[in-house]
PDB file of all heavy atoms in Angstrom:
ATOM      1  N   SER A   1      31.774   8.147 -16.933  1.00  0.00           N
ATOM      2  CA  SER A   1      30.670   7.780 -16.042  1.00  0.00           C
ATOM      3  C   SER A   1      30.173   6.369 -16.330  1.00  0.00           C
ATOM      4  O   SER A   1      30.372   5.838 -17.427  1.00  0.00           O
ATOM      5  CB  SER A   1      29.494   8.748 -16.225  1.00  0.00           C
ATOM      6  OG  SER A   1      29.857  10.079 -15.959  1.00  0.00           O
ATOM      7  N   TRP A   2      29.504   5.831 -15.349  1.00  0.00           N
ATOM      8  CA  TRP A   2      28.707   4.623 -15.502  1.00  0.00           C
ATOM      9  C   TRP A   2      27.240   5.012 -15.337  1.00  0.00           C
ATOM     10  O   TRP A   2      26.880   5.707 -14.387  1.00  0.00           O
ATOM     11  CB  TRP A   2      29.070   3.577 -14.453  1.00  0.00           C
ATOM     12  CG  TRP A   2      30.393   2.922 -14.696  1.00  0.00           C
ATOM     13  CD1 TRP A   2      31.580   3.237 -14.108  1.00  0.00           C
ATOM     14  CD2 TRP A   2      30.661   1.842 -15.591  1.00  0.00           C
ATOM     15  NE1 TRP A   2      32.578   2.423 -14.591  1.00  0.00           N
ATOM     16  CE2 TRP A   2      32.036   1.548 -15.496  1.00  0.00           C
ATOM     17  CE3 TRP A   2      29.870   1.086 -16.455  1.00  0.00           C
ATOM     18  CZ2 TRP A   2      32.641   0.533 -16.239  1.00  0.00           C
ATOM     19  CZ3 TRP A   2      30.470   0.074 -17.191  1.00  0.00           C
ATOM     20  CH2 TRP A   2      31.841  -0.193 -17.084  1.00  0.00           C
ATOM     21  N   TYR A   3      26.439   4.583 -16.288  1.00  0.00           N
ATOM     22  CA  TYR A   3      24.993   4.723 -16.227  1.00  0.00           C
ATOM     23  C   TYR A   3      24.391   3.324 -16.200  1.00  0.00           C
ATOM     24  O   TYR A   3      25.054   2.345 -16.546  1.00  0.00           O
ATOM     25  CB  TYR A   3      24.462   5.443 -17.473  1.00  0.00           C
ATOM     26  CG  TYR A   3      24.750   6.919 -17.553  1.00  0.00           C
ATOM     27  CD1 TYR A   3      26.000   7.387 -17.946  1.00  0.00           C
ATOM     28  CD2 TYR A   3      23.755   7.856 -17.277  1.00  0.00           C
ATOM     29  CE1 TYR A   3      26.249   8.749 -18.040  1.00  0.00           C
ATOM     30  CE2 TYR A   3      23.997   9.223 -17.381  1.00  0.00           C
ATOM     31  CZ  TYR A   3      25.252   9.656 -17.764  1.00  0.00           C
ATOM     32  OH  TYR A   3      25.499  11.008 -17.860  1.00  0.00           O
ATOM     33  N   ARG A   4      23.125   3.257 -15.838  1.00  0.00           N
ATOM     34  CA  ARG A   4      22.412   1.982 -15.922  1.00  0.00           C
ATOM     35  C   ARG A   4      20.963   2.224 -16.293  1.00  0.00           C
ATOM     36  O   ARG A   4      20.414   3.286 -16.034  1.00  0.00           O
ATOM     37  CB  ARG A   4      22.492   1.203 -14.603  1.00  0.00           C
ATOM     38  CG  ARG A   4      21.771   1.834 -13.431  1.00  0.00           C
ATOM     39  CD  ARG A   4      22.047   1.046 -12.155  1.00  0.00           C
ATOM     40  NE  ARG A   4      21.359   1.615 -10.997  1.00  0.00           N
ATOM     41  CZ  ARG A   4      21.532   1.197  -9.748  1.00  0.00           C
ATOM     42  NH1 ARG A   4      22.381   0.202  -9.495  1.00  0.00           N
ATOM     43  NH2 ARG A   4      20.870   1.764  -8.761  1.00  0.00           N
ATOM     44  N   ARG A   5      20.387   1.213 -16.920  1.00  0.00           N
ATOM     45  CA  ARG A   5      18.966   1.251 -17.266  1.00  0.00           C
ATOM     46  C   ARG A   5      18.347  -0.077 -16.882  1.00  0.00           C
ATOM     47  O   ARG A   5      18.713  -1.123 -17.433  1.00  0.00           O
ATOM     48  CB  ARG A   5      18.748   1.530 -18.737  1.00  0.00           C
ATOM     49  CG  ARG A   5      17.277   1.474 -19.153  1.00  0.00           C
ATOM     50  CD  ARG A   5      17.076   2.001 -20.550  1.00  0.00           C
ATOM     51  NE  ARG A   5      17.058   3.466 -20.569  1.00  0.00           N
ATOM     52  CZ  ARG A   5      17.255   4.196 -21.653  1.00  0.00           C
ATOM     53  NH1 ARG A   5      17.503   3.618 -22.808  1.00  0.00           N
ATOM     54  NH2 ARG A   5      17.208   5.517 -21.588  1.00  0.00           N
ATOM     55  N   ALA A   6      17.421  -0.017 -15.944  1.00  0.00           N
ATOM     56  CA  ALA A   6      16.692  -1.203 -15.509  1.00  0.00           C
ATOM     57  C   ALA A   6      15.444  -1.345 -16.368  1.00  0.00           C
ATOM     58  O   ALA A   6      14.940  -0.351 -16.914  1.00  0.00           O
ATOM     59  CB  ALA A   6      16.320  -1.067 -14.037  1.00  0.00           C
ATOM     60  N   PRO A   7      14.913  -2.547 -16.488  1.00  0.00           N
ATOM     61  CA  PRO A   7      13.705  -2.754 -17.297  1.00  0.00           C
ATOM     62  C   PRO A   7      12.564  -1.855 -16.852  1.00  0.00           C
ATOM     63  O   PRO A   7      12.253  -1.771 -15.658  1.00  0.00           O
ATOM     64  CB  PRO A   7      13.366  -4.229 -17.040  1.00  0.00           C
ATOM     65  CG  PRO A   7      14.664  -4.852 -16.670  1.00  0.00           C
ATOM     66  CD  PRO A   7      15.423  -3.808 -15.920  1.00  0.00           C
ATOM     67  N   GLY A   8      11.978  -1.138 -17.789  1.00  0.00           N
ATOM     68  CA  GLY A   8      10.844  -0.280 -17.480  1.00  0.00           C
ATOM     69  C   GLY A   8      11.185   1.020 -16.785  1.00  0.00           C
ATOM     70  O   GLY A   8      10.282   1.768 -16.389  1.00  0.00           O
ATOM     71  N   LYS A   9      12.479   1.307 -16.634  1.00  0.00           N
ATOM     72  CA  LYS A   9      12.895   2.523 -15.938  1.00  0.00           C
ATOM     73  C   LYS A   9      13.760   3.396 -16.846  1.00  0.00           C
ATOM     74  O   LYS A   9      14.293   2.933 -17.844  1.00  0.00           O
ATOM     75  CB  LYS A   9      13.668   2.186 -14.663  1.00  0.00           C
ATOM     76  CG  LYS A   9      12.847   1.462 -13.614  1.00  0.00           C
ATOM     77  CD  LYS A   9      13.637   1.277 -12.334  1.00  0.00           C
ATOM     78  CE  LYS A   9      12.805   0.602 -11.255  1.00  0.00           C
ATOM     79  NZ  LYS A   9      13.579   0.421  -9.999  1.00  0.00           N
ATOM     80  N   GLU A  10      13.890   4.654 -16.458  1.00  0.00           N
ATOM     81  CA  GLU A  10      14.738   5.566 -17.220  1.00  0.00           C
ATOM     82  C   GLU A  10      16.211   5.316 -16.891  1.00  0.00           C
ATOM     83  O   GLU A  10      16.544   4.769 -15.838  1.00  0.00           O
ATOM     84  CB  GLU A  10      14.362   7.014 -16.896  1.00  0.00           C
ATOM     85  CG  GLU A  10      12.973   7.399 -17.372  1.00  0.00           C
ATOM     86  CD  GLU A  10      12.703   8.877 -17.215  1.00  0.00           C
ATOM     87  OE1 GLU A  10      13.548   9.599 -16.664  1.00  0.00           O
ATOM     88  OE2 GLU A  10      11.618   9.309 -17.644  1.00  0.00           O
ATOM     89  N   ARG A  11      17.064   5.785 -17.790  1.00  0.00           N
ATOM     90  CA  ARG A  11      18.492   5.665 -17.558  1.00  0.00           C
ATOM     91  C   ARG A  11      18.897   6.467 -16.322  1.00  0.00           C
ATOM     92  O   ARG A  11      18.417   7.585 -16.124  1.00  0.00           O
ATOM     93  CB  ARG A  11      19.260   6.172 -18.784  1.00  0.00           C
ATOM     94  CG  ARG A  11      20.758   5.969 -18.719  1.00  0.00           C
ATOM     95  CD  ARG A  11      21.390   6.432 -20.007  1.00  0.00           C
ATOM     96  NE  ARG A  11      21.197   7.855 -20.221  1.00  0.00           N
ATOM     97  CZ  ARG A  11      21.365   8.457 -21.392  1.00  0.00           C
ATOM     98  NH1 ARG A  11      21.721   7.740 -22.457  1.00  0.00           N
ATOM     99  NH2 ARG A  11      21.186   9.761 -21.507  1.00  0.00           N
ATOM    100  N   GLU A  12      19.779   5.896 -15.529  1.00  0.00           N
ATOM    101  CA  GLU A  12      20.193   6.507 -14.265  1.00  0.00           C
ATOM    102  C   GLU A  12      21.715   6.660 -14.248  1.00  0.00           C
ATOM    103  O   GLU A  12      22.442   5.724 -14.595  1.00  0.00           O
ATOM    104  CB  GLU A  12      19.752   5.617 -13.086  1.00  0.00           C
ATOM    105  CG  GLU A  12      20.228   6.079 -11.732  1.00  0.00           C
ATOM    106  CD  GLU A  12      19.953   5.068 -10.636  1.00  0.00           C
ATOM    107  OE1 GLU A  12      19.740   3.878 -10.944  1.00  0.00           O
ATOM    108  OE2 GLU A  12      19.963   5.451  -9.461  1.00  0.00           O
ATOM    109  N   LEU A  13      22.168   7.837 -13.821  1.00  0.00           N
ATOM    110  CA  LEU A  13      23.604   8.057 -13.639  1.00  0.00           C
ATOM    111  C   LEU A  13      24.032   7.382 -12.341  1.00  0.00           C
ATOM    112  O   LEU A  13      23.486   7.690 -11.280  1.00  0.00           O
ATOM    113  CB  LEU A  13      23.908   9.549 -13.590  1.00  0.00           C
ATOM    114  CG  LEU A  13      25.358   9.944 -13.304  1.00  0.00           C
ATOM    115  CD1 LEU A  13      26.302   9.382 -14.352  1.00  0.00           C
ATOM    116  CD2 LEU A  13      25.478  11.467 -13.225  1.00  0.00           C
ATOM    117  N   VAL A  14      25.009   6.490 -12.424  1.00  0.00           N
ATOM    118  CA  VAL A  14      25.451   5.722 -11.264  1.00  0.00           C
ATOM    119  C   VAL A  14      26.667   6.357 -10.603  1.00  0.00           C
ATOM    120  O   VAL A  14      26.696   6.550  -9.387  1.00  0.00           O
ATOM    121  CB  VAL A  14      25.782   4.284 -11.680  1.00  0.00           C
ATOM    122  CG1 VAL A  14      26.345   3.497 -10.499  1.00  0.00           C
ATOM    123  CG2 VAL A  14      24.545   3.596 -12.248  1.00  0.00           C
ATOM    124  N   ALA A  15      27.690   6.670 -11.397  1.00  0.00           N
ATOM    125  CA  ALA A  15      28.932   7.211 -10.837  1.00  0.00           C
ATOM    126  C   ALA A  15      29.705   7.938 -11.923  1.00  0.00           C
ATOM    127  O   ALA A  15      29.615   7.577 -13.098  1.00  0.00           O
ATOM    128  CB  ALA A  15      29.787   6.096 -10.248  1.00  0.00           C
ATOM    129  N   THR A  16      30.458   8.963 -11.513  1.00  0.00           N
ATOM    130  CA  THR A  16      31.268   9.765 -12.434  1.00  0.00           C
ATOM    131  C   THR A  16      32.633  10.015 -11.823  1.00  0.00           C
ATOM    132  O   THR A  16      32.741  10.247 -10.619  1.00  0.00           O
ATOM    133  CB  THR A  16      30.592  11.117 -12.717  1.00  0.00           C
ATOM    134  OG1 THR A  16      29.327  10.894 -13.336  1.00  0.00           O
ATOM    135  CG2 THR A  16      31.445  11.985 -13.641  1.00  0.00           C
ATOM    136  N   ILE A  17      33.646   9.983 -12.671  1.00  0.00           N
ATOM    137  CA  ILE A  17      34.977  10.408 -12.266  1.00  0.00           C
ATOM    138  C   ILE A  17      35.404  11.520 -13.224  1.00  0.00           C
ATOM    139  O   ILE A  17      35.294  11.368 -14.439  1.00  0.00           O
ATOM    140  CB  ILE A  17      35.993   9.248 -12.249  1.00  0.00           C
ATOM    141  CG1 ILE A  17      37.353   9.732 -11.750  1.00  0.00           C
ATOM    142  CG2 ILE A  17      36.114   8.560 -13.599  1.00  0.00           C
ATOM    143  CD1 ILE A  17      38.309   8.578 -11.392  1.00  0.00           C
ATOM    144  N   PHE A  18      35.851  12.633 -12.658  1.00  0.00           N
ATOM    145  CA  PHE A  18      36.213  13.789 -13.450  1.00  0.00           C
ATOM    146  C   PHE A  18      37.715  13.811 -13.721  1.00  0.00           C
ATOM    147  O   PHE A  18      38.487  13.051 -13.128  1.00  0.00           O
ATOM    148  CB  PHE A  18      35.768  15.073 -12.745  1.00  0.00           C
ATOM    149  CG  PHE A  18      34.279  15.196 -12.646  1.00  0.00           C
ATOM    150  CD1 PHE A  18      33.594  14.684 -11.553  1.00  0.00           C
ATOM    151  CD2 PHE A  18      33.550  15.800 -13.659  1.00  0.00           C
ATOM    152  CE1 PHE A  18      32.209  14.783 -11.467  1.00  0.00           C
ATOM    153  CE2 PHE A  18      32.175  15.909 -13.577  1.00  0.00           C
ATOM    154  CZ  PHE A  18      31.503  15.389 -12.479  1.00  0.00           C
ATOM    155  N   HIS A  19      38.112  14.696 -14.600  1.00  0.00           N
ATOM    156  CA  HIS A  19      39.491  14.733 -15.095  1.00  0.00           C
ATOM    157  C   HIS A  19      40.523  14.741 -13.960  1.00  0.00           C
ATOM    158  O   HIS A  19      41.524  14.025 -14.016  1.00  0.00           O
ATOM    159  CB  HIS A  19      39.689  15.969 -15.979  1.00  0.00           C
ATOM    160  CG  HIS A  19      41.090  16.137 -16.470  1.00  0.00           C
ATOM    161  ND1 HIS A  19      41.610  15.365 -17.483  1.00  0.00           N
ATOM    162  CD2 HIS A  19      42.080  16.970 -16.086  1.00  0.00           C
ATOM    163  CE1 HIS A  19      42.861  15.727 -17.710  1.00  0.00           C
ATOM    164  NE2 HIS A  19      43.165  16.706 -16.873  1.00  0.00           N
ATOM    165  N   TYR A  20      40.302  15.541 -12.931  1.00  0.00           N
ATOM    166  CA  TYR A  20      41.273  15.661 -11.850  1.00  0.00           C
ATOM    167  C   TYR A  20      41.035  14.659 -10.717  1.00  0.00           C
ATOM    168  O   TYR A  20      41.674  14.755  -9.671  1.00  0.00           O
ATOM    169  CB  TYR A  20      41.286  17.093 -11.323  1.00  0.00           C
ATOM    170  CG  TYR A  20      41.895  18.054 -12.312  1.00  0.00           C
ATOM    171  CD1 TYR A  20      41.097  18.947 -13.017  1.00  0.00           C
ATOM    172  CD2 TYR A  20      43.263  18.054 -12.566  1.00  0.00           C
ATOM    173  CE1 TYR A  20      41.649  19.820 -13.943  1.00  0.00           C
ATOM    174  CE2 TYR A  20      43.823  18.917 -13.484  1.00  0.00           C
ATOM    175  CZ  TYR A  20      43.014  19.792 -14.172  1.00  0.00           C
ATOM    176  OH  TYR A  20      43.564  20.646 -15.083  1.00  0.00           O
ATOM    177  N   GLY A  21      40.095  13.714 -10.935  1.00  0.00           N
ATOM    178  CA  GLY A  21      39.947  12.620  -9.990  1.00  0.00           C
ATOM    179  C   GLY A  21      38.763  12.692  -9.050  1.00  0.00           C
ATOM    180  O   GLY A  21      38.512  11.746  -8.298  1.00  0.00           O
ATOM    181  N   THR A  22      38.023  13.792  -9.076  1.00  0.00           N
ATOM    182  CA  THR A  22      36.833  13.879  -8.234  1.00  0.00           C
ATOM    183  C   THR A  22      35.822  12.814  -8.647  1.00  0.00           C
ATOM    184  O   THR A  22      35.627  12.564  -9.836  1.00  0.00           O
ATOM    185  CB  THR A  22      36.183  15.262  -8.357  1.00  0.00           C
ATOM    186  OG1 THR A  22      37.142  16.258  -7.995  1.00  0.00           O
ATOM    187  CG2 THR A  22      34.962  15.365  -7.445  1.00  0.00           C
ATOM    188  N   LYS A  23      35.193  12.201  -7.652  1.00  0.00           N
ATOM    189  CA  LYS A  23      34.215  11.141  -7.917  1.00  0.00           C
ATOM    190  C   LYS A  23      32.864  11.512  -7.301  1.00  0.00           C
ATOM    191  O   LYS A  23      32.812  12.051  -6.195  1.00  0.00           O
ATOM    192  CB  LYS A  23      34.702   9.815  -7.330  1.00  0.00           C
ATOM    193  CG  LYS A  23      36.058   9.371  -7.849  1.00  0.00           C
ATOM    194  CD  LYS A  23      36.540   8.123  -7.140  1.00  0.00           C
ATOM    195  CE  LYS A  23      37.950   7.745  -7.600  1.00  0.00           C
ATOM    196  NZ  LYS A  23      38.446   6.519  -6.914  1.00  0.00           N
ATOM    197  N   THR A  24      31.817  11.194  -8.012  1.00  0.00           N
ATOM    198  CA  THR A  24      30.466  11.380  -7.483  1.00  0.00           C
ATOM    199  C   THR A  24      29.664  10.106  -7.697  1.00  0.00           C
ATOM    200  O   THR A  24      29.936   9.347  -8.640  1.00  0.00           O
ATOM    201  CB  THR A  24      29.745  12.559  -8.150  1.00  0.00           C
ATOM    202  OG1 THR A  24      29.652  12.314  -9.561  1.00  0.00           O
ATOM    203  CG2 THR A  24      30.498  13.874  -7.921  1.00  0.00           C
ATOM    204  N   TYR A  25      28.686   9.885  -6.815  1.00  0.00           N
ATOM    205  CA  TYR A  25      27.891   8.658  -6.852  1.00  0.00           C
ATOM    206  C   TYR A  25      26.417   8.975  -6.648  1.00  0.00           C
ATOM    207  O   TYR A  25      26.054   9.916  -5.943  1.00  0.00           O
ATOM    208  CB  TYR A  25      28.329   7.699  -5.736  1.00  0.00           C
ATOM    209  CG  TYR A  25      29.746   7.218  -5.867  1.00  0.00           C
ATOM    210  CD1 TYR A  25      30.788   7.896  -5.229  1.00  0.00           C
ATOM    211  CD2 TYR A  25      30.060   6.094  -6.619  1.00  0.00           C
ATOM    212  CE1 TYR A  25      32.098   7.463  -5.343  1.00  0.00           C
ATOM    213  CE2 TYR A  25      31.362   5.647  -6.735  1.00  0.00           C
ATOM    214  CZ  TYR A  25      32.374   6.339  -6.104  1.00  0.00           C
ATOM    215  OH  TYR A  25      33.667   5.899  -6.225  1.00  0.00           O
ATOM    216  N   ALA A  26      25.568   8.133  -7.237  1.00  0.00           N
ATOM    217  CA  ALA A  26      24.151   8.198  -6.929  1.00  0.00           C
ATOM    218  C   ALA A  26      23.960   7.770  -5.473  1.00  0.00           C
ATOM    219  O   ALA A  26      24.697   6.922  -4.965  1.00  0.00           O
ATOM    220  CB  ALA A  26      23.379   7.271  -7.859  1.00  0.00           C
ATOM    221  N   GLU A  27      22.956   8.345  -4.833  1.00  0.00           N
ATOM    222  CA  GLU A  27      22.701   8.009  -3.433  1.00  0.00           C
ATOM    223  C   GLU A  27      22.466   6.519  -3.242  1.00  0.00           C
ATOM    224  O   GLU A  27      22.856   5.936  -2.228  1.00  0.00           O
ATOM    225  CB  GLU A  27      21.493   8.797  -2.926  1.00  0.00           C
ATOM    226  CG  GLU A  27      21.767  10.268  -2.640  1.00  0.00           C
ATOM    227  CD  GLU A  27      22.772  10.470  -1.516  1.00  0.00           C
ATOM    228  OE1 GLU A  27      22.764   9.678  -0.558  1.00  0.00           O
ATOM    229  OE2 GLU A  27      23.578  11.428  -1.622  1.00  0.00           O
ATOM    230  N   SER A  28      21.852   5.899  -4.225  1.00  0.00           N
ATOM    231  CA  SER A  28      21.476   4.487  -4.109  1.00  0.00           C
ATOM    232  C   SER A  28      22.672   3.546  -4.098  1.00  0.00           C
ATOM    233  O   SER A  28      22.533   2.381  -3.713  1.00  0.00           O
ATOM    234  CB  SER A  28      20.532   4.107  -5.251  1.00  0.00           C
ATOM    235  OG  SER A  28      21.151   4.334  -6.514  1.00  0.00           O
ATOM    236  N   VAL A  29      23.864   4.025  -4.524  1.00  0.00           N
ATOM    237  CA  VAL A  29      25.026   3.136  -4.595  1.00  0.00           C
ATOM    238  C   VAL A  29      26.173   3.600  -3.697  1.00  0.00           C
ATOM    239  O   VAL A  29      27.192   2.913  -3.594  1.00  0.00           O
ATOM    240  CB  VAL A  29      25.541   2.995  -6.042  1.00  0.00           C
ATOM    241  CG1 VAL A  29      24.411   2.544  -6.971  1.00  0.00           C
ATOM    242  CG2 VAL A  29      26.181   4.273  -6.555  1.00  0.00           C
ATOM    243  N   LYS A  30      26.012   4.745  -3.053  1.00  0.00           N
ATOM    244  CA  LYS A  30      27.088   5.260  -2.184  1.00  0.00           C
ATOM    245  C   LYS A  30      27.450   4.252  -1.108  1.00  0.00           C
ATOM    246  O   LYS A  30      26.578   3.657  -0.477  1.00  0.00           O
ATOM    247  CB  LYS A  30      26.640   6.567  -1.520  1.00  0.00           C
ATOM    248  CG  LYS A  30      26.887   7.801  -2.354  1.00  0.00           C
ATOM    249  CD  LYS A  30      26.524   9.065  -1.580  1.00  0.00           C
ATOM    250  CE  LYS A  30      26.751  10.296  -2.418  1.00  0.00           C
ATOM    251  NZ  LYS A  30      26.346  11.527  -1.692  1.00  0.00           N
ATOM    252  N   GLY A  31      28.754   4.052  -0.938  1.00  0.00           N
ATOM    253  CA  GLY A  31      29.241   3.120   0.063  1.00  0.00           C
ATOM    254  C   GLY A  31      29.313   1.687  -0.419  1.00  0.00           C
ATOM    255  O   GLY A  31      29.892   0.825   0.247  1.00  0.00           O
TER     256      GLY A  31
END
């Protein structure tokens, strides 16, 4: 996965790729 932490904010999950290739994204970065 990729996570990110902006100043003053909590850590956020950005995107994940699973073993068999499935990918998921945060709504804020989709597309």
